[in-house]
N, C-alpha and C. Protein backbone atom coordinates (compact mmCIF):
# COMPACT_ATOMS: atom_id res chain seq x y z
N MET A 1 -3.34 -15.51 -27.30
CA MET A 1 -3.39 -15.41 -26.80
C MET A 1 -3.90 -16.67 -26.14
N LYS A 2 -2.80 -17.50 -24.88
CA LYS A 2 -3.51 -18.82 -23.87
C LYS A 2 -4.37 -18.14 -22.59
N LEU A 3 -5.56 -19.10 -22.58
CA LEU A 3 -6.65 -18.89 -21.36
C LEU A 3 -5.41 -19.47 -20.73
N ALA A 4 -4.70 -19.64 -20.17
CA ALA A 4 -4.21 -20.97 -19.03
C ALA A 4 -3.12 -19.84 -18.68
N GLU A 5 -2.76 -19.24 -19.58
CA GLU A 5 -1.33 -18.23 -19.12
C GLU A 5 -2.33 -17.02 -18.62
N ILE A 6 -3.30 -16.56 -19.24
CA ILE A 6 -4.19 -15.50 -18.60
C ILE A 6 -4.41 -15.45 -16.90
N MET A 7 -5.04 -17.19 -16.67
CA MET A 7 -5.07 -17.71 -15.51
C MET A 7 -4.26 -17.82 -14.45
N TYR A 8 -3.60 -18.19 -15.22
CA TYR A 8 -1.67 -17.97 -14.21
C TYR A 8 -1.71 -17.00 -13.82
N SER A 9 -1.96 -15.85 -14.51
CA SER A 9 -1.12 -13.90 -13.89
C SER A 9 -2.42 -14.23 -12.93
N MET A 10 -3.53 -14.05 -13.50
CA MET A 10 -4.73 -13.86 -12.52
C MET A 10 -5.32 -14.33 -10.83
N ALA A 11 -5.06 -15.33 -10.96
CA ALA A 11 -4.78 -16.56 -10.65
C ALA A 11 -3.80 -15.74 -9.21
N LEU A 12 -2.35 -15.79 -9.30
CA LEU A 12 -1.65 -15.56 -8.53
C LEU A 12 -1.21 -13.97 -8.47
N ASN A 13 -1.36 -12.73 -9.31
CA ASN A 13 -0.84 -11.64 -8.86
C ASN A 13 0.27 -11.72 -10.04
N LYS A 14 0.39 -12.38 -10.94
CA LYS A 14 1.95 -12.03 -11.62
C LYS A 14 2.06 -11.34 -12.62
N CYS A 15 2.83 -10.84 -12.90
CA CYS A 15 3.55 -10.39 -13.96
C CYS A 15 3.07 -10.90 -15.61
N ALA A 16 2.52 -10.14 -16.25
CA ALA A 16 2.12 -10.87 -17.89
C ALA A 16 3.16 -11.36 -18.46
N ARG A 17 4.48 -10.63 -18.37
CA ARG A 17 5.56 -11.37 -18.92
C ARG A 17 6.31 -12.32 -19.14
N CYS A 18 6.73 -12.22 -18.02
CA CYS A 18 7.39 -13.12 -17.17
C CYS A 18 6.79 -14.02 -16.51
N HIS A 19 5.88 -14.05 -15.27
CA HIS A 19 4.72 -14.87 -14.15
C HIS A 19 5.62 -14.63 -13.23
N GLN A 20 6.54 -14.32 -13.52
CA GLN A 20 7.72 -14.28 -11.51
C GLN A 20 7.74 -12.99 -10.68
N GLY A 21 7.39 -11.54 -11.38
CA GLY A 21 7.15 -10.27 -10.00
C GLY A 21 5.65 -10.21 -9.84
N ASP A 22 5.08 -9.79 -8.74
CA ASP A 22 3.83 -9.25 -8.15
C ASP A 22 3.72 -8.08 -9.21
N VAL A 23 2.92 -8.34 -9.37
CA VAL A 23 2.00 -6.89 -10.13
C VAL A 23 1.39 -4.81 -8.79
N PHE A 24 0.69 -6.69 -8.00
CA PHE A 24 -0.07 -6.10 -6.73
C PHE A 24 0.77 -5.99 -5.76
N LYS A 25 0.90 -4.55 -4.96
CA LYS A 25 2.55 -4.90 -3.92
C LYS A 25 1.47 -5.57 -2.57
N SER A 26 -0.19 -5.79 -2.60
CA SER A 26 -0.65 -6.60 -0.96
C SER A 26 -1.38 -8.50 -2.04
N LYS A 27 -0.93 -9.03 -0.96
CA LYS A 27 -0.92 -10.05 -2.10
C LYS A 27 -2.90 -10.29 -1.87
N ASN A 28 -3.66 -9.99 -0.79
CA ASN A 28 -4.58 -10.02 -0.56
C ASN A 28 -5.35 -8.80 -0.99
N PRO A 29 -6.15 -9.23 -2.42
CA PRO A 29 -7.15 -7.84 -2.36
C PRO A 29 -8.16 -7.90 -1.38
N TYR A 30 -8.80 -8.79 -0.14
CA TYR A 30 -9.28 -7.49 0.68
C TYR A 30 -8.32 -6.48 1.59
N ASP A 31 -7.27 -5.96 1.26
CA ASP A 31 -6.81 -5.62 1.99
C ASP A 31 -6.99 -3.92 1.74
N LEU A 32 -8.14 -3.09 2.04
CA LEU A 32 -8.87 -2.02 1.12
C LEU A 32 -7.87 -0.89 1.39
N THR A 33 -7.34 -0.68 2.40
CA THR A 33 -6.13 -0.30 2.70
C THR A 33 -4.92 0.34 1.37
N ARG A 34 -4.86 -0.44 0.75
CA ARG A 34 -4.21 -1.35 -0.32
C ARG A 34 -4.70 -1.61 -1.59
N MET A 35 -5.49 -1.42 -1.83
CA MET A 35 -5.99 -2.31 -2.41
C MET A 35 -5.77 -1.58 -4.61
N PHE A 36 -5.47 -0.42 -4.36
CA PHE A 36 -4.65 -0.23 -5.27
C PHE A 36 -3.38 -0.07 -5.92
N ASP A 37 -3.04 -0.43 -4.88
CA ASP A 37 -1.59 -0.53 -4.98
C ASP A 37 -1.04 -0.72 -5.21
N MET A 38 0.03 -0.56 -6.82
CA MET A 38 0.82 -1.91 -7.49
C MET A 38 2.91 -1.31 -7.40
N HIS A 39 2.62 -2.20 -8.50
CA HIS A 39 4.26 -1.67 -8.05
C HIS A 39 4.66 -1.44 -9.69
N GLU A 40 5.07 -0.45 -9.33
CA GLU A 40 5.77 0.50 -10.78
C GLU A 40 6.21 -0.11 -12.36
N THR A 41 7.11 -1.18 -11.81
CA THR A 41 7.48 -1.77 -13.02
C THR A 41 7.76 -3.96 -12.16
N CYS A 42 7.87 -4.91 -13.24
CA CYS A 42 7.70 -5.99 -12.64
C CYS A 42 9.19 -6.44 -11.85
N SER A 43 10.00 -6.52 -11.06
CA SER A 43 10.31 -7.05 -10.10
C SER A 43 11.35 -7.94 -10.43
N HIS A 44 11.15 -8.19 -11.31
CA HIS A 44 12.13 -9.80 -11.61
C HIS A 44 12.60 -9.27 -13.45
N CYS A 45 11.95 -8.53 -14.64
CA CYS A 45 11.54 -8.71 -16.07
C CYS A 45 11.66 -6.78 -16.34
N GLY A 46 11.76 -6.02 -15.26
CA GLY A 46 12.35 -5.18 -15.57
C GLY A 46 10.25 -3.93 -16.43
N LEU A 47 8.94 -4.99 -16.38
CA LEU A 47 7.97 -4.46 -17.25
C LEU A 47 7.01 -3.57 -16.57
N LYS A 48 7.59 -2.64 -17.26
CA LYS A 48 6.75 -1.10 -16.72
C LYS A 48 4.88 -1.55 -16.28
N TYR A 49 4.27 -1.42 -15.68
CA TYR A 49 3.10 -2.57 -16.02
C TYR A 49 2.15 -0.80 -16.60
N GLN A 50 2.44 0.45 -17.08
CA GLN A 50 1.36 1.51 -16.74
C GLN A 50 2.21 1.95 -18.19
N LYS A 51 2.01 1.80 -19.12
CA LYS A 51 2.80 1.81 -20.50
C LYS A 51 2.90 3.10 -20.28
N GLU A 52 1.49 4.02 -20.35
CA GLU A 52 0.98 5.06 -21.08
C GLU A 52 -0.39 5.56 -19.48
N PRO A 53 -0.17 6.66 -19.71
CA PRO A 53 -0.80 7.66 -18.30
C PRO A 53 -1.89 6.75 -19.27
N SER A 54 -2.14 7.18 -17.58
CA SER A 54 -3.91 6.25 -17.68
C SER A 54 -4.05 5.48 -18.43
N PHE A 55 -3.50 4.48 -18.16
CA PHE A 55 -3.79 3.22 -18.97
C PHE A 55 -4.57 2.77 -18.76
N PHE A 56 -4.81 2.42 -17.01
CA PHE A 56 -5.62 1.21 -16.96
C PHE A 56 -6.97 1.14 -17.06
N TYR A 57 -7.39 2.91 -17.17
CA TYR A 57 -8.74 3.35 -18.27
C TYR A 57 -9.40 1.77 -18.97
N GLY A 58 -8.88 0.97 -19.88
CA GLY A 58 -9.38 0.16 -20.23
C GLY A 58 -9.19 -0.83 -19.51
N ALA A 59 -9.43 -1.05 -18.44
CA ALA A 59 -10.00 -2.28 -17.58
C ALA A 59 -10.66 -2.37 -16.85
N MET A 60 -11.58 -1.03 -16.72
CA MET A 60 -13.42 -0.20 -16.85
C MET A 60 -13.99 -1.48 -17.28
N TYR A 61 -13.67 -1.64 -18.66
CA TYR A 61 -14.10 -2.71 -19.82
C TYR A 61 -14.45 -3.97 -19.36
N VAL A 62 -13.34 -3.96 -18.87
CA VAL A 62 -12.63 -5.71 -18.49
C VAL A 62 -13.83 -6.07 -17.15
N SER A 63 -13.94 -4.97 -16.21
CA SER A 63 -14.06 -4.97 -14.51
C SER A 63 -15.88 -5.12 -15.18
N TYR A 64 -16.08 -4.11 -16.39
CA TYR A 64 -17.87 -4.25 -16.78
C TYR A 64 -18.58 -6.20 -17.24
N ALA A 65 -17.35 -6.63 -18.24
CA ALA A 65 -17.38 -7.58 -18.47
C ALA A 65 -17.30 -8.48 -17.45
N LEU A 66 -16.60 -8.71 -16.70
CA LEU A 66 -17.02 -9.36 -15.20
C LEU A 66 -18.05 -8.74 -14.49
N THR A 67 -18.16 -8.19 -13.59
CA THR A 67 -19.30 -7.73 -13.59
C THR A 67 -21.00 -8.54 -14.21
N SER A 68 -21.03 -8.07 -15.64
CA SER A 68 -21.70 -8.51 -15.90
C SER A 68 -21.99 -9.55 -16.24
N GLY A 69 -20.82 -10.78 -16.21
CA GLY A 69 -20.63 -11.74 -16.06
C GLY A 69 -21.85 -12.35 -14.49
N TRP A 70 -21.21 -12.13 -13.84
CA TRP A 70 -21.62 -12.44 -12.34
C TRP A 70 -23.32 -12.09 -12.36
N PHE A 71 -23.73 -10.94 -12.73
CA PHE A 71 -24.94 -10.59 -13.18
C PHE A 71 -25.67 -11.65 -13.79
N ILE A 72 -25.07 -12.29 -14.88
CA ILE A 72 -25.87 -13.53 -15.14
C ILE A 72 -25.77 -14.70 -14.68
N VAL A 73 -24.63 -14.79 -14.72
CA VAL A 73 -24.85 -16.74 -13.84
C VAL A 73 -25.67 -16.16 -12.71
N TRP A 74 -25.77 -15.49 -12.27
CA TRP A 74 -26.90 -14.73 -10.28
C TRP A 74 -28.37 -15.23 -11.58
N PHE A 75 -29.00 -14.33 -12.38
CA PHE A 75 -29.41 -14.13 -12.84
C PHE A 75 -30.49 -15.80 -12.81
N VAL A 76 -29.48 -16.44 -13.97
CA VAL A 76 -30.16 -18.38 -14.38
C VAL A 76 -30.26 -18.40 -13.35
N LEU A 77 -28.89 -18.63 -12.35
CA LEU A 77 -29.24 -19.94 -11.33
C LEU A 77 -30.59 -19.28 -10.59
N GLN A 78 -31.20 -17.98 -10.40
CA GLN A 78 -32.26 -17.50 -9.89
C GLN A 78 -33.44 -18.18 -10.29
N ASN A 79 -33.22 -17.94 -12.26
CA ASN A 79 -34.36 -18.26 -12.50
C ASN A 79 -34.84 -19.81 -12.18
N TYR A 80 -33.57 -20.55 -11.96
CA TYR A 80 -33.45 -22.04 -12.59
C TYR A 80 -34.04 -22.72 -11.82
N VAL A 81 -33.20 -22.31 -10.42
CA VAL A 81 -32.76 -22.64 -9.82
C VAL A 81 -33.00 -22.77 -8.29
N LEU A 82 -32.71 -21.14 -7.62
CA LEU A 82 -33.50 -21.29 -6.25
C LEU A 82 -34.80 -20.45 -5.98
N ASN A 83 -35.28 -19.15 -7.19
CA ASN A 83 -36.50 -18.46 -7.52
C ASN A 83 -37.19 -17.84 -6.48
N TRP A 84 -36.71 -17.62 -5.87
CA TRP A 84 -36.08 -15.99 -4.58
C TRP A 84 -37.19 -15.21 -5.68
N ASP A 85 -37.81 -14.97 -3.71
CA ASP A 85 -38.87 -13.86 -4.51
C ASP A 85 -37.33 -12.58 -4.86
N LEU A 86 -38.39 -11.64 -4.92
CA LEU A 86 -37.36 -10.31 -6.01
C LEU A 86 -36.22 -10.28 -4.46
N LEU A 87 -36.95 -9.89 -3.88
CA LEU A 87 -36.16 -8.20 -3.17
C LEU A 87 -34.72 -9.40 -1.60
N ASN A 88 -35.32 -10.44 -1.74
CA ASN A 88 -33.82 -10.84 -1.51
C ASN A 88 -32.82 -11.57 -3.06
N PHE A 89 -33.46 -11.67 -3.64
CA PHE A 89 -32.79 -11.56 -4.53
C PHE A 89 -31.46 -10.62 -4.79
N ALA A 90 -32.72 -9.74 -5.13
CA ALA A 90 -31.77 -8.18 -5.17
C ALA A 90 -30.82 -8.00 -4.51
N ILE A 91 -30.86 -8.46 -2.60
CA ILE A 91 -30.01 -8.04 -1.97
C ILE A 91 -29.07 -8.47 -1.26
N PHE A 92 -29.14 -10.04 -1.89
CA PHE A 92 -28.25 -11.24 -2.35
C PHE A 92 -26.92 -11.03 -3.60
N MET A 93 -28.02 -10.19 -4.81
CA MET A 93 -27.01 -9.90 -5.73
C MET A 93 -26.37 -8.59 -5.40
N VAL A 94 -25.96 -7.47 -5.40
CA VAL A 94 -25.69 -6.05 -4.98
C VAL A 94 -24.83 -6.66 -3.70
N ALA A 95 -24.59 -7.66 -2.80
CA ALA A 95 -23.84 -8.55 -1.09
C ALA A 95 -22.84 -9.13 -2.18
N THR A 96 -23.28 -10.00 -3.06
CA THR A 96 -22.63 -10.73 -3.97
C THR A 96 -20.64 -9.68 -5.02
N ILE A 97 -21.98 -8.15 -5.29
CA ILE A 97 -20.93 -7.85 -6.34
C ILE A 97 -20.09 -6.88 -5.43
N ILE A 98 -20.72 -6.27 -4.38
CA ILE A 98 -20.10 -5.73 -3.42
C ILE A 98 -18.79 -6.51 -2.48
N ALA A 99 -19.11 -7.77 -2.42
CA ALA A 99 -18.04 -8.82 -1.81
C ALA A 99 -17.24 -9.30 -2.90
N LEU A 100 -17.30 -9.05 -4.40
CA LEU A 100 -16.73 -9.32 -5.49
C LEU A 100 -15.60 -7.64 -6.55
N SER A 101 -15.98 -7.51 -5.64
CA SER A 101 -15.40 -5.78 -6.39
C SER A 101 -13.70 -5.34 -6.11
N PRO A 102 -13.54 -5.82 -5.17
CA PRO A 102 -11.64 -5.83 -5.34
C PRO A 102 -10.98 -6.99 -6.03
N LEU A 103 -11.52 -8.30 -5.90
CA LEU A 103 -11.38 -9.34 -7.28
C LEU A 103 -11.80 -9.00 -8.39
N SER A 104 -12.81 -7.72 -8.87
CA SER A 104 -12.57 -7.97 -10.06
C SER A 104 -11.64 -6.52 -10.13
N LEU A 105 -11.49 -5.40 -9.49
CA LEU A 105 -10.84 -4.43 -9.93
C LEU A 105 -9.09 -5.43 -10.15
N ARG A 106 -8.69 -6.57 -9.17
CA ARG A 106 -7.52 -6.60 -10.03
C ARG A 106 -7.37 -7.65 -10.81
N TRP A 107 -8.85 -8.81 -11.22
CA TRP A 107 -8.65 -9.40 -12.11
C TRP A 107 -8.51 -8.87 -13.46
N SER A 108 -9.22 -7.23 -13.67
CA SER A 108 -9.29 -6.55 -14.76
C SER A 108 -7.99 -6.07 -15.28
N ARG A 109 -7.77 -5.75 -14.00
CA ARG A 109 -6.40 -5.49 -14.20
C ARG A 109 -5.55 -6.20 -14.92
N LEU A 110 -4.87 -6.67 -14.23
CA LEU A 110 -4.43 -8.16 -14.89
C LEU A 110 -5.15 -8.80 -16.24
N ILE A 111 -6.07 -9.34 -16.34
CA ILE A 111 -6.82 -9.58 -18.17
C ILE A 111 -5.86 -8.43 -18.54
N TRP A 112 -6.06 -6.94 -18.05
CA TRP A 112 -6.21 -5.73 -18.96
C TRP A 112 -4.59 -5.91 -19.61
N LEU A 113 -3.15 -6.16 -18.69
CA LEU A 113 -2.32 -6.37 -18.98
C LEU A 113 -1.41 -7.61 -19.80
N ASN A 114 -2.50 -8.13 -19.65
CA ASN A 114 -2.18 -9.45 -20.66
C ASN A 114 -2.48 -9.22 -21.83
N PHE A 115 -3.68 -8.86 -22.20
CA PHE A 115 -4.25 -7.91 -22.79
C PHE A 115 -2.85 -7.68 -24.30
N PHE A 116 -1.95 -6.90 -23.15
CA PHE A 116 -0.70 -6.59 -23.93
C PHE A 116 0.14 -6.52 -23.41
N TYR A 117 0.74 -7.78 -23.15
CA TYR A 117 2.38 -8.29 -22.29
C TYR A 117 1.51 -10.06 -22.99
N LYS A 118 2.30 -10.37 -23.62
CA LYS A 118 2.38 -12.01 -23.72
C LYS A 118 3.46 -12.63 -22.52
N TYR A 119 2.81 -13.93 -22.26
CA TYR A 119 4.11 -14.19 -21.47
C TYR A 119 4.95 -14.96 -22.45
N ASP A 120 6.38 -15.32 -22.23
CA ASP A 120 7.67 -15.15 -22.86
C ASP A 120 8.58 -16.33 -21.66
N LYS A 121 8.58 -17.07 -21.89
CA LYS A 121 9.53 -18.03 -21.14
C LYS A 121 10.99 -17.55 -21.43
N LYS A 122 11.06 -16.47 -22.33
CA LYS A 122 13.00 -15.93 -21.77
C LYS A 122 13.06 -14.90 -20.30
N TYR A 123 12.13 -14.23 -20.52
CA TYR A 123 11.88 -13.28 -19.57
C TYR A 123 11.59 -14.50 -18.26
N SER A 124 11.03 -15.63 -17.68
CA SER A 124 10.85 -16.45 -16.72
C SER A 124 12.21 -16.41 -16.53
N LYS A 125 13.43 -16.30 -17.28
CA LYS A 125 14.50 -17.10 -16.21
C LYS A 125 15.36 -15.75 -15.97
N LYS A 126 16.25 -16.00 -14.94
CA LYS A 126 16.43 -14.38 -13.61
C LYS A 126 17.31 -14.57 -14.84
N ILE A 127 17.59 -13.61 -15.53
CA ILE A 127 19.48 -13.10 -16.46
C ILE A 127 19.36 -12.00 -16.43
N ASN A 128 21.05 -11.38 -16.73
CA ASN A 128 21.07 -10.14 -16.91
C ASN A 128 20.38 -8.95 -17.67
N ALA A 129 19.74 -8.05 -16.69
CA ALA A 129 19.12 -6.36 -17.50
C ALA A 129 18.99 -6.44 -19.27
N ASN A 130 20.33 -6.81 -19.21
CA ASN A 130 21.27 -6.17 -20.27
C ASN A 130 20.64 -6.75 -21.99
N GLN A 131 20.88 -8.12 -21.19
CA GLN A 131 20.57 -9.49 -22.04
C GLN A 131 19.39 -8.96 -23.10
N LEU A 132 18.88 -8.56 -22.61
CA LEU A 132 17.24 -8.76 -23.35
C LEU A 132 17.01 -7.15 -23.81
N SER A 133 16.38 -6.91 -24.98
CA SER A 133 15.59 -6.02 -25.54
C SER A 133 14.80 -6.26 -25.12
N TYR A 134 13.84 -4.99 -24.52
CA TYR A 134 12.17 -4.59 -24.19
C TYR A 134 11.85 -3.41 -23.94
N ASP A 135 11.20 -2.99 -23.45
CA ASP A 135 10.13 -1.91 -23.27
C ASP A 135 10.22 -1.93 -21.80
N ARG A 136 11.28 -0.55 -21.35
CA ARG A 136 10.97 -0.67 -20.39
C ARG A 136 9.46 0.55 -19.44
């Protein structure tokens, strides 16, 4: 699993296998009315995103890791740079986590997809779907 490929897929909301089709219907993660709306399959390579029922429950673990990472970064920053009082720091921390929740949700699902599907150049080229052998 190459980190650059995962970062590309995450940053641009692209399919883990072909890096062409969009995963989420809305490009804006802060479009709260459509935050959870995902395409069923990739518009380019035909990859079925949810390979089994409740597939994205595993993304909760990734989301937990991302949120924990934010807590650790802010905690270290607080202890060595900011030195705010506890109340101000707690308010800032809660506001940051709430503000980053839509990004965390989207990134956790994209990272989860990248755990199971690897980028393959042959899927990035626009060819007849019958020429490829893959799971739909």
